[in-house]
PDB file of N, CA and C in Angstrom:
ATOM      1  N   MET A   1    -129.040 -14.418 -13.969  1.00  0.00           N
ATOM      2  CA  MET A   1    -127.866 -13.630 -14.293  1.00  0.00           C
ATOM      3  C   MET A   1    -128.221 -12.763 -15.494  1.00  0.00           C
ATOM      4  N   SER A   2    -128.013 -11.499 -15.354  1.00  0.00           N
ATOM      5  CA  SER A   2    -128.286 -10.605 -16.473  1.00  0.00           C
ATOM      6  C   SER A   2    -127.082 -10.545 -17.395  1.00  0.00           C
ATOM      7  N   ALA A   3    -127.317 -10.001 -18.576  1.00  0.00           N
ATOM      8  CA  ALA A   3    -126.256  -9.939 -19.577  1.00  0.00           C
ATOM      9  C   ALA A   3    -125.099  -9.058 -19.120  1.00  0.00           C
ATOM     10  N   THR A   4    -125.359  -8.089 -18.257  1.00  0.00           N
ATOM     11  CA  THR A   4    -124.292  -7.187 -17.819  1.00  0.00           C
ATOM     12  C   THR A   4    -123.453  -7.787 -16.693  1.00  0.00           C
ATOM     13  N   ASP A   5    -123.951  -8.845 -16.029  1.00  0.00           N
ATOM     14  CA  ASP A   5    -123.232  -9.453 -14.912  1.00  0.00           C
ATOM     15  C   ASP A   5    -122.166 -10.444 -15.356  1.00  0.00           C
ATOM     16  N   PHE A   6    -122.164 -10.827 -16.597  1.00  0.00           N
ATOM     17  CA  PHE A   6    -121.264 -11.878 -17.060  1.00  0.00           C
ATOM     18  C   PHE A   6    -119.855 -11.330 -17.261  1.00  0.00           C
ATOM     19  N   ASP A   7    -118.868 -11.970 -16.654  1.00  0.00           N
ATOM     20  CA  ASP A   7    -117.475 -11.537 -16.737  1.00  0.00           C
ATOM     21  C   ASP A   7    -116.682 -12.575 -17.536  1.00  0.00           C
ATOM     22  N   VAL A   8    -116.384 -12.247 -18.779  1.00  0.00           N
ATOM     23  CA  VAL A   8    -115.691 -13.171 -19.678  1.00  0.00           C
ATOM     24  C   VAL A   8    -114.291 -13.488 -19.171  1.00  0.00           C
ATOM     25  N   LYS A   9    -113.582 -12.501 -18.679  1.00  0.00           N
ATOM     26  CA  LYS A   9    -112.210 -12.717 -18.196  1.00  0.00           C
ATOM     27  C   LYS A   9    -112.191 -13.701 -17.029  1.00  0.00           C
ATOM     28  N   TYR A  10    -113.160 -13.544 -16.111  1.00  0.00           N
ATOM     29  CA  TYR A  10    -113.236 -14.419 -14.939  1.00  0.00           C
ATOM     30  C   TYR A  10    -113.481 -15.871 -15.360  1.00  0.00           C
ATOM     31  N   VAL A  11    -114.440 -16.081 -16.264  1.00  0.00           N
ATOM     32  CA  VAL A  11    -114.758 -17.437 -16.703  1.00  0.00           C
ATOM     33  C   VAL A  11    -113.612 -18.019 -17.520  1.00  0.00           C
ATOM     34  N   ALA A  12    -112.971 -17.227 -18.354  1.00  0.00           N
ATOM     35  CA  ALA A  12    -111.818 -17.700 -19.120  1.00  0.00           C
ATOM     36  C   ALA A  12    -110.695 -18.120 -18.177  1.00  0.00           C
ATOM     37  N   ASN A  13    -110.502 -17.369 -17.096  1.00  0.00           N
ATOM     38  CA  ASN A  13    -109.486 -17.721 -16.105  1.00  0.00           C
ATOM     39  C   ASN A  13    -109.841 -19.039 -15.419  1.00  0.00           C
ATOM     40  N   LEU A  14    -111.106 -19.227 -15.055  1.00  0.00           N
ATOM     41  CA  LEU A  14    -111.530 -20.482 -14.424  1.00  0.00           C
ATOM     42  C   LEU A  14    -111.322 -21.666 -15.362  1.00  0.00           C
ATOM     43  N   ALA A  15    -111.564 -21.450 -16.654  1.00  0.00           N
ATOM     44  CA  ALA A  15    -111.426 -22.521 -17.640  1.00  0.00           C
ATOM     45  C   ALA A  15    -109.986 -22.673 -18.121  1.00  0.00           C
ATOM     46  N   ARG A  16    -109.085 -21.843 -17.626  1.00  0.00           N
ATOM     47  CA  ARG A  16    -107.675 -21.862 -18.027  1.00  0.00           C
ATOM     48  C   ARG A  16    -107.539 -21.677 -19.541  1.00  0.00           C
ATOM     49  N   VAL A  17    -108.313 -20.700 -20.062  1.00  0.00           N
ATOM     50  CA  VAL A  17    -108.293 -20.393 -21.490  1.00  0.00           C
ATOM     51  C   VAL A  17    -107.737 -18.984 -21.651  1.00  0.00           C
ATOM     52  N   ALA A  18    -106.730 -18.841 -22.483  1.00  0.00           N
ATOM     53  CA  ALA A  18    -106.161 -17.529 -22.750  1.00  0.00           C
ATOM     54  C   ALA A  18    -106.887 -16.913 -23.945  1.00  0.00           C
ATOM     55  N   LEU A  19    -107.468 -15.748 -23.738  1.00  0.00           N
ATOM     56  CA  LEU A  19    -108.198 -15.054 -24.797  1.00  0.00           C
ATOM     57  C   LEU A  19    -107.520 -13.723 -25.098  1.00  0.00           C
ATOM     58  N   THR A  20    -107.496 -13.381 -26.353  1.00  0.00           N
ATOM     59  CA  THR A  20    -107.011 -12.061 -26.740  1.00  0.00           C
ATOM     60  C   THR A  20    -108.127 -11.061 -26.454  1.00  0.00           C
ATOM     61  N   PRO A  21    -107.815  -9.772 -26.369  1.00  0.00           N
ATOM     62  CA  PRO A  21    -108.874  -8.777 -26.138  1.00  0.00           C
ATOM     63  C   PRO A  21    -109.969  -8.832 -27.212  1.00  0.00           C
ATOM     64  N   ALA A  22    -109.600  -9.113 -28.454  1.00  0.00           N
ATOM     65  CA  ALA A  22    -110.604  -9.208 -29.515  1.00  0.00           C
ATOM     66  C   ALA A  22    -111.520 -10.414 -29.280  1.00  0.00           C
ATOM     67  N   GLU A  23    -110.925 -11.537 -28.843  1.00  0.00           N
ATOM     68  CA  GLU A  23    -111.726 -12.726 -28.555  1.00  0.00           C
ATOM     69  C   GLU A  23    -112.638 -12.498 -27.362  1.00  0.00           C
ATOM     70  N   GLU A  24    -112.124 -11.796 -26.330  1.00  0.00           N
ATOM     71  CA  GLU A  24    -112.954 -11.478 -25.168  1.00  0.00           C
ATOM     72  C   GLU A  24    -114.160 -10.639 -25.572  1.00  0.00           C
ATOM     73  N   GLU A  25    -113.925  -9.660 -26.417  1.00  0.00           N
ATOM     74  CA  GLU A  25    -115.012  -8.786 -26.846  1.00  0.00           C
ATOM     75  C   GLU A  25    -116.042  -9.564 -27.670  1.00  0.00           C
ATOM     76  N   LYS A  26    -115.557 -10.393 -28.590  1.00  0.00           N
ATOM     77  CA  LYS A  26    -116.460 -11.170 -29.437  1.00  0.00           C
ATOM     78  C   LYS A  26    -117.251 -12.170 -28.601  1.00  0.00           C
ATOM     79  N   LEU A  27    -116.569 -12.901 -27.732  1.00  0.00           N
ATOM     80  CA  LEU A  27    -117.233 -13.885 -26.885  1.00  0.00           C
ATOM     81  C   LEU A  27    -118.210 -13.213 -25.930  1.00  0.00           C
ATOM     82  N   GLY A  28    -117.804 -12.068 -25.385  1.00  0.00           N
ATOM     83  CA  GLY A  28    -118.688 -11.333 -24.480  1.00  0.00           C
ATOM     84  C   GLY A  28    -119.963 -10.896 -25.168  1.00  0.00           C
ATOM     85  N   SER A  29    -119.862 -10.401 -26.383  1.00  0.00           N
ATOM     86  CA  SER A  29    -121.066  -9.966 -27.098  1.00  0.00           C
ATOM     87  C   SER A  29    -121.950 -11.152 -27.454  1.00  0.00           C
ATOM     88  N   GLN A  30    -121.339 -12.288 -27.813  1.00  0.00           N
ATOM     89  CA  GLN A  30    -122.127 -13.478 -28.132  1.00  0.00           C
ATOM     90  C   GLN A  30    -122.857 -14.004 -26.899  1.00  0.00           C
ATOM     91  N   ILE A  31    -122.156 -14.066 -25.781  1.00  0.00           N
ATOM     92  CA  ILE A  31    -122.776 -14.558 -24.545  1.00  0.00           C
ATOM     93  C   ILE A  31    -123.855 -13.590 -24.072  1.00  0.00           C
ATOM     94  N   ASN A  32    -123.611 -12.284 -24.200  1.00  0.00           N
ATOM     95  CA  ASN A  32    -124.625 -11.313 -23.816  1.00  0.00           C
ATOM     96  C   ASN A  32    -125.880 -11.445 -24.664  1.00  0.00           C
ATOM     97  N   SER A  33    -125.737 -11.736 -25.958  1.00  0.00           N
ATOM     98  CA  SER A  33    -126.929 -11.918 -26.786  1.00  0.00           C
ATOM     99  C   SER A  33    -127.666 -13.199 -26.406  1.00  0.00           C
ATOM    100  N   ILE A  34    -126.933 -14.251 -26.034  1.00  0.00           N
ATOM    101  CA  ILE A  34    -127.570 -15.489 -25.580  1.00  0.00           C
ATOM    102  C   ILE A  34    -128.314 -15.247 -24.274  1.00  0.00           C
ATOM    103  N   LEU A  35    -127.653 -14.565 -23.330  1.00  0.00           N
ATOM    104  CA  LEU A  35    -128.302 -14.276 -22.046  1.00  0.00           C
ATOM    105  C   LEU A  35    -129.507 -13.350 -22.227  1.00  0.00           C
ATOM    106  N   GLY A  36    -129.411 -12.425 -23.170  1.00  0.00           N
ATOM    107  CA  GLY A  36    -130.552 -11.558 -23.467  1.00  0.00           C
ATOM    108  C   GLY A  36    -131.721 -12.352 -24.008  1.00  0.00           C
ATOM    109  N   TYR A  37    -131.446 -13.338 -24.855  1.00  0.00           N
ATOM    110  CA  TYR A  37    -132.510 -14.182 -25.393  1.00  0.00           C
ATOM    111  C   TYR A  37    -133.140 -15.016 -24.283  1.00  0.00           C
ATOM    112  N   ILE A  38    -132.333 -15.494 -23.339  1.00  0.00           N
ATOM    113  CA  ILE A  38    -132.864 -16.258 -22.207  1.00  0.00           C
ATOM    114  C   ILE A  38    -133.777 -15.375 -21.370  1.00  0.00           C
ATOM    115  N   GLU A  39    -133.381 -14.132 -21.146  1.00  0.00           N
ATOM    116  CA  GLU A  39    -134.242 -13.201 -20.407  1.00  0.00           C
ATOM    117  C   GLU A  39    -135.568 -12.990 -21.134  1.00  0.00           C
ATOM    118  N   LYS A  40    -135.524 -12.941 -22.451  1.00  0.00           N
ATOM    119  CA  LYS A  40    -136.737 -12.786 -23.249  1.00  0.00           C
ATOM    120  C   LYS A  40    -137.627 -14.019 -23.098  1.00  0.00           C
ATOM    121  N   LEU A  41    -137.018 -15.211 -23.070  1.00  0.00           N
ATOM    122  CA  LEU A  41    -137.796 -16.434 -22.893  1.00  0.00           C
ATOM    123  C   LEU A  41    -138.452 -16.506 -21.518  1.00  0.00           C
ATOM    124  N   LYS A  42    -137.828 -15.889 -20.510  1.00  0.00           N
ATOM    125  CA  LYS A  42    -138.396 -15.896 -19.160  1.00  0.00           C
ATOM    126  C   LYS A  42    -139.712 -15.131 -19.077  1.00  0.00           C
ATOM    127  N   GLU A  43    -139.998 -14.282 -20.064  1.00  0.00           N
ATOM    128  CA  GLU A  43    -141.243 -13.522 -20.070  1.00  0.00           C
ATOM    129  C   GLU A  43    -142.445 -14.375 -20.447  1.00  0.00           C
ATOM    130  N   LEU A  44    -142.214 -15.550 -21.038  1.00  0.00           N
ATOM    131  CA  LEU A  44    -143.313 -16.413 -21.463  1.00  0.00           C
ATOM    132  C   LEU A  44    -144.030 -17.026 -20.274  1.00  0.00           C
ATOM    133  N   ASP A  45    -145.351 -17.149 -20.396  1.00  0.00           N
ATOM    134  CA  ASP A  45    -146.152 -17.805 -19.368  1.00  0.00           C
ATOM    135  C   ASP A  45    -146.218 -19.291 -19.705  1.00  0.00           C
ATOM    136  N   VAL A  46    -145.563 -20.111 -18.922  1.00  0.00           N
ATOM    137  CA  VAL A  46    -145.523 -21.549 -19.169  1.00  0.00           C
ATOM    138  C   VAL A  46    -146.170 -22.329 -18.026  1.00  0.00           C
ATOM    139  N   THR A  47    -147.097 -21.706 -17.330  1.00  0.00           N
ATOM    140  CA  THR A  47    -147.713 -22.370 -16.179  1.00  0.00           C
ATOM    141  C   THR A  47    -148.520 -23.596 -16.587  1.00  0.00           C
ATOM    142  N   ASN A  48    -149.121 -23.611 -17.766  1.00  0.00           N
ATOM    143  CA  ASN A  48    -149.936 -24.747 -18.198  1.00  0.00           C
ATOM    144  C   ASN A  48    -149.207 -25.656 -19.182  1.00  0.00           C
ATOM    145  N   VAL A  49    -147.896 -25.495 -19.307  1.00  0.00           N
ATOM    146  CA  VAL A  49    -147.113 -26.319 -20.226  1.00  0.00           C
ATOM    147  C   VAL A  49    -146.461 -27.439 -19.431  1.00  0.00           C
ATOM    148  N   GLU A  50    -146.707 -28.660 -19.884  1.00  0.00           N
ATOM    149  CA  GLU A  50    -146.140 -29.813 -19.192  1.00  0.00           C
ATOM    150  C   GLU A  50    -144.652 -29.934 -19.506  1.00  0.00           C
ATOM    151  N   PRO A  51    -143.808 -30.134 -18.501  1.00  0.00           N
ATOM    152  CA  PRO A  51    -142.374 -30.284 -18.754  1.00  0.00           C
ATOM    153  C   PRO A  51    -142.100 -31.543 -19.575  1.00  0.00           C
ATOM    154  N   THR A  52    -141.202 -31.432 -20.521  1.00  0.00           N
ATOM    155  CA  THR A  52    -140.841 -32.576 -21.351  1.00  0.00           C
ATOM    156  C   THR A  52    -139.320 -32.623 -21.516  1.00  0.00           C
ATOM    157  N   ALA A  53    -138.838 -33.790 -21.848  1.00  0.00           N
ATOM    158  CA  ALA A  53    -137.407 -33.932 -22.118  1.00  0.00           C
ATOM    159  C   ALA A  53    -137.107 -33.651 -23.580  1.00  0.00           C
ATOM    160  N   HIS A  54    -138.095 -33.847 -24.447  1.00  0.00           N
ATOM    161  CA  HIS A  54    -137.916 -33.642 -25.886  1.00  0.00           C
ATOM    162  C   HIS A  54    -139.124 -32.877 -26.425  1.00  0.00           C
ATOM    163  N   ALA A  55    -138.903 -32.123 -27.472  1.00  0.00           N
ATOM    164  CA  ALA A  55    -139.991 -31.360 -28.079  1.00  0.00           C
ATOM    165  C   ALA A  55    -141.001 -32.264 -28.767  1.00  0.00           C
ATOM    166  N   VAL A  56    -140.538 -33.361 -29.301  1.00  0.00           N
ATOM    167  CA  VAL A  56    -141.425 -34.326 -29.951  1.00  0.00           C
ATOM    168  C   VAL A  56    -141.272 -35.662 -29.240  1.00  0.00           C
ATOM    169  N   PRO A  57    -142.350 -36.441 -29.170  1.00  0.00           N
ATOM    170  CA  PRO A  57    -142.226 -37.734 -28.484  1.00  0.00           C
ATOM    171  C   PRO A  57    -141.257 -38.665 -29.215  1.00  0.00           C
ATOM    172  N   LEU A  58    -140.394 -39.299 -28.454  1.00  0.00           N
ATOM    173  CA  LEU A  58    -139.430 -40.239 -29.022  1.00  0.00           C
ATOM    174  C   LEU A  58    -139.713 -41.635 -28.484  1.00  0.00           C
ATOM    175  N   ILE A  59    -139.572 -42.609 -29.358  1.00  0.00           N
ATOM    176  CA  ILE A  59    -139.733 -44.000 -28.950  1.00  0.00           C
ATOM    177  C   ILE A  59    -138.464 -44.729 -29.353  1.00  0.00           C
ATOM    178  N   ASN A  60    -137.811 -45.349 -28.388  1.00  0.00           N
ATOM    179  CA  ASN A  60    -136.605 -46.113 -28.697  1.00  0.00           C
ATOM    180  C   ASN A  60    -136.982 -47.418 -29.366  1.00  0.00           C
ATOM    181  N   VAL A  61    -136.279 -47.729 -30.412  1.00  0.00           N
ATOM    182  CA  VAL A  61    -136.488 -48.995 -31.097  1.00  0.00           C
ATOM    183  C   VAL A  61    -135.383 -49.921 -30.637  1.00  0.00           C
ATOM    184  N   VAL A  62    -135.736 -50.841 -29.786  1.00  0.00           N
ATOM    185  CA  VAL A  62    -134.755 -51.778 -29.257  1.00  0.00           C
ATOM    186  C   VAL A  62    -135.303 -53.188 -29.387  1.00  0.00           C
ATOM    187  N   ARG A  63    -134.406 -54.113 -29.463  1.00  0.00           N
ATOM    188  CA  ARG A  63    -134.840 -55.503 -29.533  1.00  0.00           C
ATOM    189  C   ARG A  63    -135.171 -55.984 -28.129  1.00  0.00           C
ATOM    190  N   PRO A  64    -136.070 -56.932 -28.014  1.00  0.00           N
ATOM    191  CA  PRO A  64    -136.373 -57.461 -26.675  1.00  0.00           C
ATOM    192  C   PRO A  64    -135.198 -58.277 -26.142  1.00  0.00           C
ATOM    193  N   ASP A  65    -135.048 -58.280 -24.831  1.00  0.00           N
ATOM    194  CA  ASP A  65    -134.003 -59.080 -24.204  1.00  0.00           C
ATOM    195  C   ASP A  65    -134.360 -60.554 -24.329  1.00  0.00           C
ATOM    196  N   GLU A  66    -133.431 -61.323 -24.793  1.00  0.00           N
ATOM    197  CA  GLU A  66    -133.635 -62.753 -24.938  1.00  0.00           C
ATOM    198  C   GLU A  66    -132.460 -63.481 -24.309  1.00  0.00           C
ATOM    199  N   ILE A  67    -132.744 -64.538 -23.633  1.00  0.00           N
ATOM    200  CA  ILE A  67    -131.681 -65.361 -23.063  1.00  0.00           C
ATOM    201  C   ILE A  67    -131.106 -66.203 -24.183  1.00  0.00           C
ATOM    202  N   ARG A  68    -129.794 -66.100 -24.369  1.00  0.00           N
ATOM    203  CA  ARG A  68    -129.104 -66.875 -25.399  1.00  0.00           C
ATOM    204  C   ARG A  68    -127.913 -67.551 -24.765  1.00  0.00           C
ATOM    205  N   PRO A  69    -127.490 -68.640 -25.320  1.00  0.00           N
ATOM    206  CA  PRO A  69    -126.316 -69.305 -24.741  1.00  0.00           C
ATOM    207  C   PRO A  69    -125.064 -68.458 -24.950  1.00  0.00           C
ATOM    208  N   GLY A  70    -124.211 -68.403 -23.940  1.00  0.00           N
ATOM    209  CA  GLY A  70    -122.970 -67.656 -24.026  1.00  0.00           C
ATOM    210  C   GLY A  70    -121.816 -68.581 -24.370  1.00  0.00           C
ATOM    211  N   LEU A  71    -120.617 -68.047 -24.265  1.00  0.00           N
ATOM    212  CA  LEU A  71    -119.422 -68.843 -24.536  1.00  0.00           C
ATOM    213  C   LEU A  71    -119.127 -69.749 -23.344  1.00  0.00           C
ATOM    214  N   ASP A  72    -118.689 -70.940 -23.628  1.00  0.00           N
ATOM    215  CA  ASP A  72    -118.215 -71.762 -22.518  1.00  0.00           C
ATOM    216  C   ASP A  72    -116.773 -71.335 -22.205  1.00  0.00           C
ATOM    217  N   ASN A  73    -116.244 -71.816 -21.110  1.00  0.00           N
ATOM    218  CA  ASN A  73    -114.936 -71.372 -20.626  1.00  0.00           C
ATOM    219  C   ASN A  73    -113.828 -71.657 -21.636  1.00  0.00           C
ATOM    220  N   GLU A  74    -113.836 -72.831 -22.230  1.00  0.00           N
ATOM    221  CA  GLU A  74    -112.799 -73.185 -23.206  1.00  0.00           C
ATOM    222  C   GLU A  74    -112.837 -72.254 -24.411  1.00  0.00           C
ATOM    223  N   GLU A  75    -114.046 -71.956 -24.885  1.00  0.00           N
ATOM    224  CA  GLU A  75    -114.189 -71.103 -26.057  1.00  0.00           C
ATOM    225  C   GLU A  75    -113.743 -69.669 -25.750  1.00  0.00           C
ATOM    226  N   ALA A  76    -114.047 -69.188 -24.543  1.00  0.00           N
ATOM    227  CA  ALA A  76    -113.662 -67.834 -24.157  1.00  0.00           C
ATOM    228  C   ALA A  76    -112.147 -67.701 -24.042  1.00  0.00           C
ATOM    229  N   LEU A  77    -111.474 -68.738 -23.583  1.00  0.00           N
ATOM    230  CA  LEU A  77    -110.030 -68.697 -23.372  1.00  0.00           C
ATOM    231  C   LEU A  77    -109.224 -69.153 -24.585  1.00  0.00           C
ATOM    232  N   ARG A  78    -109.889 -69.503 -25.683  1.00  0.00           N
ATOM    233  CA  ARG A  78    -109.209 -70.078 -26.840  1.00  0.00           C
ATOM    234  C   ARG A  78    -108.080 -69.193 -27.368  1.00  0.00           C
ATOM    235  N   ASN A  79    -108.281 -67.880 -27.476  1.00  0.00           N
ATOM    236  CA  ASN A  79    -107.261 -66.984 -28.036  1.00  0.00           C
ATOM    237  C   ASN A  79    -106.466 -66.230 -26.975  1.00  0.00           C
ATOM    238  N   ALA A  80    -106.621 -66.608 -25.723  1.00  0.00           N
ATOM    239  CA  ALA A  80    -105.901 -65.921 -24.652  1.00  0.00           C
ATOM    240  C   ALA A  80    -104.407 -66.194 -24.779  1.00  0.00           C
ATOM    241  N   PRO A  81    -103.573 -65.157 -24.683  1.00  0.00           N
ATOM    242  CA  PRO A  81    -102.131 -65.381 -24.784  1.00  0.00           C
ATOM    243  C   PRO A  81    -101.586 -66.183 -23.608  1.00  0.00           C
ATOM    244  N   SER A  82    -102.237 -66.048 -22.444  1.00  0.00           N
ATOM    245  CA  SER A  82    -101.782 -66.784 -21.277  1.00  0.00           C
ATOM    246  C   SER A  82    -102.991 -67.107 -20.403  1.00  0.00           C
ATOM    247  N   LYS A  83    -103.089 -68.355 -19.965  1.00  0.00           N
ATOM    248  CA  LYS A  83    -104.218 -68.775 -19.136  1.00  0.00           C
ATOM    249  C   LYS A  83    -103.744 -69.822 -18.137  1.00  0.00           C
ATOM    250  N   ALA A  84    -104.462 -69.896 -17.014  1.00  0.00           N
ATOM    251  CA  ALA A  84    -104.135 -70.884 -15.985  1.00  0.00           C
ATOM    252  C   ALA A  84    -105.381 -71.147 -15.153  1.00  0.00           C
ATOM    253  N   ASN A  85    -105.676 -72.386 -14.889  1.00  0.00           N
ATOM    254  CA  ASN A  85    -106.813 -72.804 -14.062  1.00  0.00           C
ATOM    255  C   ASN A  85    -108.138 -72.217 -14.564  1.00  0.00           C
ATOM    256  N   GLY A  86    -108.304 -72.122 -15.879  1.00  0.00           N
ATOM    257  CA  GLY A  86    -109.549 -71.624 -16.444  1.00  0.00           C
ATOM    258  C   GLY A  86    -109.713 -70.125 -16.366  1.00  0.00           C
ATOM    259  N   LEU A  87    -108.609 -69.375 -16.139  1.00  0.00           N
ATOM    260  CA  LEU A  87    -108.659 -67.922 -16.018  1.00  0.00           C
ATOM    261  C   LEU A  87    -107.643 -67.279 -16.954  1.00  0.00           C
ATOM    262  N   PHE A  88    -107.872 -66.023 -17.292  1.00  0.00           N
ATOM    263  CA  PHE A  88    -106.890 -65.245 -18.039  1.00  0.00           C
ATOM    264  C   PHE A  88    -105.754 -64.878 -17.105  1.00  0.00           C
ATOM    265  N   VAL A  89    -104.525 -64.979 -17.572  1.00  0.00           N
ATOM    266  CA  VAL A  89    -103.371 -64.547 -16.784  1.00  0.00           C
ATOM    267  C   VAL A  89    -102.899 -63.225 -17.396  1.00  0.00           C
ATOM    268  N   VAL A  90    -102.860 -62.190 -16.533  1.00  0.00           N
ATOM    269  CA  VAL A  90    -102.453 -60.864 -16.975  1.00  0.00           C
ATOM    270  C   VAL A  90    -101.319 -60.371 -16.083  1.00  0.00           C
ATOM    271  N   PRO A  91    -100.521 -59.408 -16.568  1.00  0.00           N
ATOM    272  CA  PRO A  91     -99.429 -58.914 -15.729  1.00  0.00           C
ATOM    273  C   PRO A  91     -99.968 -58.116 -14.540  1.00  0.00           C
ATOM    274  N   LYS A  92     -99.240 -58.155 -13.457  1.00  0.00           N
ATOM    275  CA  LYS A  92     -99.623 -57.414 -12.253  1.00  0.00           C
ATOM    276  C   LYS A  92     -99.458 -55.929 -12.544  1.00  0.00           C
ATOM    277  N   ILE A  93    -100.483 -55.124 -12.197  1.00  0.00           N
ATOM    278  CA  ILE A  93    -100.403 -53.695 -12.472  1.00  0.00           C
ATOM    279  C   ILE A  93    -100.351 -52.853 -11.196  1.00  0.00           C
ATOM    280  N   VAL A  94    -100.544 -53.485 -10.044  1.00  0.00           N
ATOM    281  CA  VAL A  94    -100.484 -52.753  -8.775  1.00  0.00           C
ATOM    282  C   VAL A  94     -99.072 -52.838  -8.244  1.00  0.00           C
ATOM    283  N   GLU A  95     -98.525 -51.694  -7.889  1.00  0.00           N
ATOM    284  CA  GLU A  95     -97.150 -51.692  -7.387  1.00  0.00           C
ATOM    285  C   GLU A  95     -97.110 -51.648  -5.896  1.00  0.00           C
TER     286      GLU A  95
END
């Protein structure tokens, strides 16, 4: 999509956003400059560049999964406002 093909009024209508003429003009010029920059980036030769998700390598720091004891049924239901037969009792929500 070239910078001249972008229709601010059409997209604002799709997004259900009311824009004043001044806002349309400002937004249109901003989007056109962004689209122009994208067109400039398309001129780069990236045939030998490996696709990446991040510019720098990231390593997640997470703890290892360990099996630990969970709550027993009595402990889980201790603060329940209403319980019956080892289960939480909640109001019916389906009509």
